[in-house]
Amino acid sequence: MIPKIAPYPMPAQWPENRVHWQLRPERAALLVHDLQLYFLNYFAVTQMPIPQLLSHTAQLLDACRELGIPVFYTAQPGNQSPKDRALLTDMWGPGLPDDPAATAIHPSVAPQPGETVLTKWRYSAFQRSNLRERLNDQGRDQLIICGVYAHIGCQLSAAEAFMQDVQPFFVADALADFSEEEHLQALNYVVARCGAVMGTAEVVRALHNGPLTRGALRAELATALNLSTDDLDPAADLQDLGLDSIQLMLLLERWQTRGLQVTYGDVAVSPTLDTLWQGLPE
C-alpha cells in the first residue's frame, strides 16, 4: 500500500547532467504523470512539496500550450480487473476505486480539449499504450516528465523513453515522491543512467528561447491543426486545413517575438508554411 507521505522541501539543487542535450520546442512533448487525486491525497496537499509541484506543472503546461508542444497525461482507471492489475495487486493492493474523487486529475493541471490522456496500466507510461507511436507521428523525440511518483513511474518512464531513443528531461522541481530521499534518488538515477535533469524555470526558458526553425513552425502548425507533421503539406492553405484567423493571429504574435518578420496582412490571403517560412530573416 502507498504510505502516508510527510511534507518535505522541494529540491532546489540537483546533480549535474552527464549529457548535454538541448531541449527544443519543435522536438519536445510534455508528460504529466499520474497527477490524480488518489495519488496526491497521500500527501498533505497544502504543504511542501505539493503546492510547488502543482504550480510548476502549471507553468510547464502554459509554456507547452503556448508553443504548440504536445501534452500527454497518464491516468490509472478505477476498479481495475484482476487481469489488468496483475502483479501490481501483490505490491500495492487493489488500486484506485471507480470514483472521480480518486481518478480525476487535479483541476489546477487538468487536461484541455485535444490533449491526450493515456490509460496507465504499469509503472512506465509506454507500457500498453501508444505513446511511442504518438511521439513518432508528431515528430517528437524529447519527453519532458513531471508528476508523481518520481522514483517509480516517472523514473521508469524516463528509462523506457531513453531505451526507445527518446531523450527524457526530468523536471526536478515538478515531481514529488514518498520522501525527499527517494525524490533525490530518482534525480540521481536519471542523471547517471538515462536522461537530463532540469528545473522548471530552465525548461520554460529553453522552450521559449529555442531557435525558430522551419521544423518548429511546421510542428506548431501541425499541432494547431491536429495533424502529424508529415501530413502537413508546406504549400497547403492553412485556412483550408482548418486554421482560423484568430489562431493565425495568435501564432503570428508568438513567432514575431522569436524573429519571424511577417505580419498578418502578409499571409492572411493564402497562408501556408512556405509563406510563413519566407518571412524569417536570413
Protein backbone atom coordinates (compact mmCIF):
# COMPACT_ATOMS: atom_id res chain seq x y z
CA MET A 1 0.00 0.00 0.00
CA ILE A 2 1.07 3.59 -0.54
CA PRO A 3 2.27 5.18 2.71
CA LYS A 4 1.08 8.49 4.05
CA ILE A 5 3.74 10.97 2.94
CA ALA A 6 5.27 13.51 5.31
CA PRO A 7 5.97 17.03 3.98
CA TYR A 8 9.45 17.66 2.66
CA PRO A 9 11.10 20.57 0.82
CA MET A 10 11.08 20.57 -2.95
CA PRO A 11 14.69 20.15 -4.13
CA ALA A 12 16.34 23.42 -5.05
CA GLN A 13 19.54 21.82 -6.33
CA TRP A 14 20.13 18.70 -8.38
CA PRO A 15 23.04 16.74 -9.78
CA GLU A 16 24.98 17.88 -12.82
CA ASN A 17 23.96 16.26 -16.09
CA ARG A 18 26.23 13.84 -17.91
CA VAL A 19 24.55 14.53 -21.24
CA HIS A 20 24.43 17.88 -22.99
CA TRP A 21 21.12 17.62 -24.78
CA GLN A 22 19.48 20.86 -25.87
CA LEU A 23 15.73 20.98 -25.23
CA ARG A 24 13.94 22.20 -28.36
CA PRO A 25 10.27 23.17 -28.72
CA GLU A 26 9.96 21.55 -32.14
CA ARG A 27 11.21 18.22 -30.76
CA ALA A 28 9.60 18.14 -27.32
CA ALA A 29 6.45 16.72 -25.77
CA LEU A 30 5.28 17.00 -22.15
CA LEU A 31 4.24 14.03 -20.00
CA VAL A 32 2.15 14.86 -16.92
CA HIS A 33 2.44 11.64 -14.97
CA ASP A 34 -0.31 10.33 -12.65
CA LEU A 35 -1.39 13.63 -11.09
CA GLN A 36 -4.64 12.06 -9.98
CA LEU A 37 -6.34 12.95 -6.73
CA TYR A 38 -5.87 9.41 -5.41
CA PHE A 39 -2.08 9.71 -5.51
CA LEU A 40 -1.93 13.32 -4.35
CA ASN A 41 -4.15 12.60 -1.36
CA TYR A 42 -1.37 10.58 0.26
CA PHE A 43 0.42 13.90 0.76
CA ALA A 44 -0.57 16.78 3.00
CA VAL A 45 -1.66 18.64 -0.12
CA THR A 46 -1.36 22.15 1.33
CA GLN A 47 2.24 21.57 2.43
CA MET A 48 5.51 21.09 0.59
CA PRO A 49 6.16 19.79 -1.97
CA ILE A 50 2.62 19.68 -3.43
CA PRO A 51 1.90 23.43 -3.93
CA GLN A 52 5.23 23.73 -5.76
CA LEU A 53 4.56 20.57 -7.78
CA LEU A 54 1.20 21.86 -9.00
CA SER A 55 2.42 25.41 -9.61
CA HIS A 56 5.45 24.26 -11.57
CA THR A 57 3.43 21.74 -13.57
CA ALA A 58 1.00 24.53 -14.47
CA GLN A 59 3.94 26.63 -15.69
CA LEU A 60 5.15 23.79 -17.89
CA LEU A 61 1.64 23.32 -19.27
CA ASP A 62 1.30 27.04 -20.02
CA ALA A 63 4.60 27.11 -21.90
CA CYS A 64 3.84 23.96 -23.90
CA ARG A 65 0.33 25.08 -24.79
CA GLU A 66 1.58 28.50 -25.87
CA LEU A 67 4.22 26.94 -28.11
CA GLY A 68 2.04 24.18 -29.56
CA ILE A 69 4.03 21.43 -27.84
CA PRO A 70 2.03 18.20 -27.47
CA VAL A 71 0.84 17.39 -23.95
CA PHE A 72 0.24 13.84 -22.72
CA TYR A 73 -1.22 12.74 -19.40
CA THR A 74 -1.31 9.36 -17.71
CA ALA A 75 -4.23 8.29 -15.55
CA GLN A 76 -4.94 4.93 -13.97
CA PRO A 77 -8.50 3.63 -14.29
CA GLY A 78 -10.59 2.84 -11.24
CA ASN A 79 -11.72 -0.62 -10.23
CA GLN A 80 -9.20 -2.47 -12.40
CA SER A 81 -9.87 -6.11 -13.09
CA PRO A 82 -7.51 -8.68 -11.52
CA LYS A 83 -6.21 -9.50 -15.00
CA ASP A 84 -5.39 -5.87 -15.76
CA ARG A 85 -3.91 -5.15 -12.35
CA ALA A 86 -1.98 -8.43 -12.18
CA LEU A 87 1.25 -8.18 -10.15
CA LEU A 88 0.51 -4.62 -9.05
CA THR A 89 -2.07 -6.04 -6.66
CA ASP A 90 0.62 -8.05 -4.86
CA MET A 91 2.78 -4.96 -4.50
CA TRP A 92 0.24 -2.17 -3.92
CA GLY A 93 -3.19 -3.63 -3.30
CA PRO A 94 -6.35 -3.17 -5.40
CA GLY A 95 -5.59 0.35 -6.62
CA LEU A 96 -7.98 3.19 -7.33
CA PRO A 97 -11.72 2.98 -6.70
CA ASP A 98 -14.01 3.82 -9.58
CA ASP A 99 -14.76 7.27 -8.19
CA PRO A 100 -14.00 10.66 -9.80
CA ALA A 101 -12.79 11.86 -6.40
CA ALA A 102 -9.92 9.41 -6.86
CA THR A 103 -9.44 9.06 -10.62
CA ALA A 104 -9.70 12.74 -11.64
CA ILE A 105 -6.55 14.67 -12.48
CA HIS A 106 -6.05 17.63 -10.15
CA PRO A 107 -8.16 20.51 -11.52
CA SER A 108 -5.30 23.02 -11.46
CA VAL A 109 -3.40 20.95 -14.03
CA ALA A 110 -6.28 19.15 -15.77
CA PRO A 111 -6.20 18.29 -19.49
CA GLN A 112 -7.62 20.68 -22.05
CA PRO A 113 -9.60 19.58 -25.12
CA GLY A 114 -7.37 17.89 -27.64
CA GLU A 115 -4.76 16.75 -25.13
CA THR A 116 -4.15 13.03 -24.80
CA VAL A 117 -4.87 11.08 -21.62
CA LEU A 118 -3.16 7.69 -21.77
CA THR A 119 -4.62 4.85 -19.76
CA LYS A 120 -1.91 3.88 -17.28
CA TRP A 121 -1.53 0.14 -16.62
CA ARG A 122 2.06 -0.22 -15.42
CA TYR A 123 4.81 1.94 -13.97
CA SER A 124 6.04 3.14 -17.36
CA ALA A 125 3.78 5.36 -19.45
CA PHE A 126 4.97 3.42 -22.52
CA GLN A 127 3.60 0.07 -21.35
CA ARG A 128 0.31 -0.97 -23.00
CA SER A 129 -0.04 2.48 -24.56
CA ASN A 130 0.66 4.04 -27.96
CA LEU A 131 2.80 6.84 -26.55
CA ARG A 132 5.82 5.93 -28.69
CA GLU A 133 3.72 5.85 -31.85
CA ARG A 134 2.12 9.19 -30.99
CA LEU A 135 5.53 10.76 -30.45
CA ASN A 136 6.69 9.38 -33.78
CA ASP A 137 3.59 10.67 -35.56
CA GLN A 138 4.24 14.19 -34.25
CA GLY A 139 7.96 14.14 -34.93
CA ARG A 140 8.88 14.31 -31.24
CA ASP A 141 11.99 12.70 -29.77
CA GLN A 142 12.27 14.58 -26.47
CA LEU A 143 9.99 13.99 -23.47
CA ILE A 144 9.64 16.41 -20.56
CA ILE A 145 8.48 14.48 -17.48
CA CYS A 146 6.73 15.81 -14.38
CA GLY A 147 4.33 14.35 -11.81
CA VAL A 148 4.32 11.54 -9.23
CA TYR A 149 5.91 9.40 -8.01
CA ALA A 150 9.41 10.38 -9.02
CA HIS A 151 11.23 7.13 -8.18
CA ILE A 152 8.52 4.83 -9.57
CA GLY A 153 6.52 5.64 -12.69
CA CYS A 154 8.30 8.88 -13.56
CA GLN A 155 11.76 7.33 -13.34
CA LEU A 156 10.77 4.19 -15.23
CA SER A 157 9.02 6.21 -17.94
CA ALA A 158 12.27 8.16 -18.33
CA ALA A 159 14.29 4.95 -18.53
CA GLU A 160 11.98 3.46 -21.15
CA ALA A 161 11.99 6.69 -23.17
CA PHE A 162 15.79 6.50 -23.23
CA MET A 163 15.68 2.86 -24.36
CA GLN A 164 13.40 3.90 -27.24
CA ASP A 165 15.73 6.71 -28.35
CA VAL A 166 13.58 9.48 -26.88
CA GLN A 167 15.56 11.98 -24.79
CA PRO A 168 13.94 12.31 -21.33
CA PHE A 169 14.08 15.63 -19.47
CA PHE A 170 13.23 15.08 -15.80
CA VAL A 171 11.89 18.27 -14.19
CA ALA A 172 13.40 18.14 -10.70
CA ASP A 173 11.08 20.65 -9.05
CA ALA A 174 7.90 19.47 -10.81
CA LEU A 175 8.00 16.00 -9.28
CA ALA A 176 7.04 14.58 -5.89
CA ASP A 177 7.77 11.33 -4.11
CA PHE A 178 7.38 9.29 -0.93
CA SER A 179 10.24 11.24 0.67
CA GLU A 180 12.98 13.74 -0.06
CA GLU A 181 15.46 10.86 -0.08
CA GLU A 182 13.54 8.95 -2.76
CA HIS A 183 12.96 12.13 -4.78
CA LEU A 184 16.71 12.78 -4.85
CA GLN A 185 17.35 9.11 -5.56
CA ALA A 186 15.27 9.41 -8.72
CA LEU A 187 17.12 12.52 -9.87
CA ASN A 188 20.47 10.82 -9.34
CA TYR A 189 19.35 7.71 -11.22
CA VAL A 190 18.12 9.66 -14.25
CA VAL A 191 21.28 11.78 -14.41
CA ALA A 192 23.52 8.73 -14.12
CA ARG A 193 21.64 6.34 -16.39
CA CYS A 194 19.08 7.70 -18.81
CA GLY A 195 18.38 11.42 -19.05
CA ALA A 196 18.81 15.06 -18.21
CA VAL A 197 17.53 16.79 -15.07
CA MET A 198 16.38 20.42 -15.26
CA GLY A 199 14.35 22.85 -13.19
CA THR A 200 11.00 24.30 -14.26
CA ALA A 201 12.37 27.78 -14.94
CA GLU A 202 15.21 26.32 -17.00
CA VAL A 203 12.80 24.21 -19.06
CA VAL A 204 10.46 27.13 -19.75
CA ARG A 205 13.37 29.36 -20.73
CA ALA A 206 14.79 26.72 -23.06
CA LEU A 207 11.45 26.21 -24.77
CA HIS A 208 10.87 29.93 -25.33
CA ASN A 209 14.42 30.58 -26.47
CA GLY A 210 14.58 27.68 -28.88
CA PRO A 211 15.52 28.58 -32.45
CA LEU A 212 12.61 29.32 -34.75
CA THR A 213 13.34 26.72 -37.40
CA ARG A 214 11.23 25.53 -40.29
CA GLY A 215 10.71 22.32 -38.33
CA ALA A 216 9.46 24.29 -35.32
CA LEU A 217 6.99 26.22 -37.49
CA ARG A 218 5.74 23.03 -39.09
CA ALA A 219 5.39 21.27 -35.73
CA GLU A 220 3.42 24.13 -34.15
CA LEU A 221 1.11 24.42 -37.15
CA ALA A 222 0.56 20.67 -37.23
CA THR A 223 -0.32 20.67 -33.54
CA ALA A 224 -2.79 23.55 -34.02
CA LEU A 225 -4.42 21.64 -36.89
CA ASN A 226 -4.34 18.26 -35.11
CA LEU A 227 -2.20 16.78 -37.87
CA SER A 228 1.07 14.88 -37.86
CA THR A 229 4.00 16.90 -39.17
CA ASP A 230 4.31 14.53 -42.14
CA ASP A 231 0.69 15.19 -43.11
CA LEU A 232 1.12 18.97 -43.26
CA ASP A 233 1.76 19.97 -46.88
CA PRO A 234 4.07 23.04 -46.84
CA ALA A 235 2.17 24.54 -49.79
CA ALA A 236 -1.34 23.87 -48.43
CA ASP A 237 -3.53 26.82 -47.48
CA LEU A 238 -3.69 26.66 -43.69
CA GLN A 239 -7.19 28.14 -43.62
CA ASP A 240 -8.40 25.38 -45.92
CA LEU A 241 -6.93 22.92 -43.43
CA GLY A 242 -8.96 24.47 -40.60
CA LEU A 243 -6.74 27.22 -39.15
CA ASP A 244 -8.99 30.19 -38.38
CA SER A 245 -7.95 33.85 -38.36
CA ILE A 246 -7.79 34.11 -34.57
CA GLN A 247 -5.49 31.09 -34.33
CA LEU A 248 -3.31 32.54 -37.07
CA MET A 249 -3.02 35.91 -35.29
CA LEU A 250 -2.06 34.24 -32.02
CA LEU A 251 0.54 32.10 -33.76
CA LEU A 252 1.98 35.09 -35.59
CA GLU A 253 2.27 37.10 -32.37
CA ARG A 254 4.21 34.26 -30.79
CA TRP A 255 6.51 33.80 -33.77
CA GLN A 256 7.15 37.53 -34.17
CA THR A 257 8.67 37.57 -30.69
CA ARG A 258 11.05 34.86 -31.90
CA GLY A 259 12.20 36.58 -35.10
CA LEU A 260 9.52 35.95 -37.71
CA GLN A 261 9.36 39.15 -39.76
CA VAL A 262 5.91 38.79 -41.27
CA THR A 263 2.58 40.38 -40.40
CA TYR A 264 -0.96 39.06 -40.51
CA GLY A 265 -1.59 41.13 -43.62
CA ASP A 266 1.31 39.44 -45.40
CA VAL A 267 -0.17 35.97 -45.09
CA ALA A 268 -3.91 36.35 -44.45
CA VAL A 269 -4.95 35.87 -48.08
CA SER A 270 -3.30 32.48 -48.56
CA PRO A 271 -1.23 31.45 -45.52
CA THR A 272 1.00 28.41 -45.98
CA LEU A 273 4.01 27.03 -44.18
CA ASP A 274 6.11 28.17 -47.15
CA THR A 275 4.91 31.80 -46.94
CA LEU A 276 5.47 31.90 -43.20
CA TRP A 277 8.97 30.49 -43.56
CA GLN A 278 9.83 33.10 -46.19
CA GLY A 279 9.18 35.76 -43.55
CA LEU A 280 12.13 34.62 -41.47
CA PRO A 281 15.25 36.78 -41.58
CA GLU A 282 18.26 35.36 -43.35
